[in-house]
Amino acid sequence: MDEATDGLSAATLGELLEDEYARSILAETSVEPLSATELAERCDASSPTIYRRINRLQELDMLDEEQTLNPDGHHYRRFSARLERVTIELSDGGYEVSVDRTTDDAVDRFTELYEGLR
């Protein structure tokens, strides 16, 4: 039996973390929020490849998205990792997966948004 505490199976997690681009996106965005363009450059990947991985990571609630306003007044999206820790335990003839994610409350998000507009 392969099960996760939040519905994420060990197989799904394994497939995700086996992907070099998904791993790179998580690693890069754990340091600072980055746009898809910045991720494409840092991960040496095409934009479509980055967007496919971003979508998959967001589906699994491992990547947050924020809107940012640049000095020219244009909006763009930046992404940050929500993944803090993954634990895989062997028990009862199968694997048990637990995923720890970052938690931001509404006040933290509002503060970040406000500081980004100044």
Protein backbone atom coordinates (compact mmCIF):
# COMPACT_ATOMS: atom_id res chain seq x y z
CA MET A 1 0.00 0.00 0.00
CA ASP A 2 1.42 3.32 -1.06
CA GLU A 3 -0.40 6.22 0.51
CA ALA A 4 0.19 9.80 1.44
CA THR A 5 -1.24 11.82 4.26
CA ASP A 6 -2.62 14.41 1.83
CA GLY A 7 -3.72 12.17 -1.05
CA LEU A 8 -0.39 12.30 -2.85
CA SER A 9 0.77 8.77 -3.64
CA ALA A 10 4.36 7.63 -3.34
CA ALA A 11 4.29 6.80 -7.06
CA THR A 12 3.07 10.29 -8.02
CA LEU A 13 5.65 11.93 -5.81
CA GLY A 14 8.38 9.66 -7.16
CA GLU A 15 7.48 10.52 -10.75
CA LEU A 16 7.45 14.21 -9.95
CA LEU A 17 10.80 14.23 -8.15
CA GLU A 18 12.35 12.05 -10.84
CA ASP A 19 11.79 14.90 -13.30
CA GLU A 20 14.90 17.11 -13.40
CA TYR A 21 12.95 20.25 -14.33
CA ALA A 22 10.42 19.83 -11.51
CA ARG A 23 13.28 19.33 -9.04
CA SER A 24 15.09 22.39 -10.40
CA ILE A 25 11.97 24.54 -10.20
CA LEU A 26 11.38 23.52 -6.58
CA ALA A 27 15.02 24.13 -5.68
CA GLU A 28 15.25 27.52 -7.41
CA THR A 29 11.94 28.80 -6.05
CA SER A 30 12.80 27.70 -2.52
CA VAL A 31 15.43 30.47 -2.48
CA GLU A 32 13.34 33.30 -3.95
CA PRO A 33 10.18 33.80 -6.01
CA LEU A 34 10.92 33.62 -9.74
CA SER A 35 9.04 34.26 -12.96
CA ALA A 36 8.65 31.57 -15.61
CA THR A 37 11.19 33.42 -17.77
CA GLU A 38 13.73 33.42 -14.95
CA LEU A 39 13.05 29.73 -14.31
CA ALA A 40 13.55 28.90 -17.99
CA GLU A 41 16.95 30.59 -17.90
CA ARG A 42 18.07 29.04 -14.61
CA CYS A 43 16.80 25.56 -15.47
CA ASP A 44 18.06 25.71 -19.07
CA ALA A 45 14.63 24.73 -20.38
CA SER A 46 12.09 26.04 -22.87
CA SER A 47 9.16 28.13 -21.68
CA PRO A 48 6.59 25.44 -22.59
CA THR A 49 8.55 22.89 -20.54
CA ILE A 50 8.66 25.24 -17.56
CA TYR A 51 4.95 26.05 -17.79
CA ARG A 52 4.02 22.34 -17.95
CA ARG A 53 6.04 21.67 -14.79
CA ILE A 54 4.66 24.78 -13.06
CA ASN A 55 1.11 23.61 -13.80
CA ARG A 56 1.83 20.13 -12.44
CA LEU A 57 3.49 21.49 -9.30
CA GLN A 58 0.54 23.84 -8.71
CA GLU A 59 -1.92 20.96 -9.16
CA LEU A 60 -0.10 19.16 -6.35
CA ASP A 61 -0.03 22.33 -4.20
CA MET A 62 3.76 22.48 -4.19
CA LEU A 63 4.12 25.88 -5.85
CA ASP A 64 2.56 29.23 -4.96
CA GLU A 65 1.89 32.00 -7.44
CA GLU A 66 1.91 35.74 -6.84
CA GLN A 67 1.23 38.68 -9.14
CA THR A 68 4.02 41.22 -9.27
CA LEU A 69 4.00 44.71 -10.71
CA ASN A 70 7.19 45.76 -12.49
CA PRO A 71 8.36 49.41 -12.64
CA ASP A 72 6.75 49.81 -16.09
CA GLY A 73 3.35 48.98 -14.61
CA HIS A 74 3.08 45.51 -16.18
CA HIS A 75 1.95 42.51 -14.16
CA TYR A 76 3.72 39.19 -14.23
CA ARG A 77 3.60 36.03 -12.16
CA ARG A 78 6.29 34.79 -9.81
CA PHE A 79 6.38 31.37 -8.26
CA SER A 80 7.68 30.13 -4.93
CA ALA A 81 8.01 26.62 -3.54
CA ARG A 82 5.55 25.50 -0.88
CA LEU A 83 7.41 22.25 -0.30
CA GLU A 84 9.48 22.13 2.88
CA ARG A 85 9.95 18.44 3.52
CA VAL A 86 9.01 15.07 2.05
CA THR A 87 9.17 11.98 4.21
CA ILE A 88 8.81 8.47 2.83
CA GLU A 89 8.43 5.68 5.36
CA LEU A 90 8.31 1.95 4.74
CA SER A 91 5.53 0.45 6.84
CA ASP A 92 3.15 -2.50 6.63
CA GLY A 93 4.54 -3.68 3.30
CA GLY A 94 4.17 -0.33 1.57
CA TYR A 95 5.24 3.26 1.60
CA GLU A 96 3.73 6.13 3.51
CA VAL A 97 4.42 9.62 2.24
CA SER A 98 4.06 12.83 4.21
CA VAL A 99 4.55 16.25 2.69
CA ASP A 100 5.18 19.37 4.75
CA ARG A 101 4.33 22.61 3.02
CA THR A 102 4.95 26.22 3.94
CA THR A 103 2.06 28.11 5.42
CA ASP A 104 1.42 31.75 4.68
CA ASP A 105 -1.50 33.48 6.21
CA ALA A 106 -3.50 36.27 4.58
CA VAL A 107 -1.67 38.95 6.58
CA ASP A 108 1.73 37.77 5.30
CA ARG A 109 0.48 37.75 1.70
CA PHE A 110 -1.02 41.25 2.06
CA THR A 111 2.23 42.58 3.56
CA GLU A 112 4.26 41.10 0.68
CA LEU A 113 1.85 42.57 -1.86
CA TYR A 114 1.94 46.01 -0.22
CA GLU A 115 5.75 46.03 -0.01
CA GLY A 116 5.96 44.99 -3.66
CA LEU A 117 3.89 48.01 -4.70
CA ARG A 118 6.02 50.59 -2.88
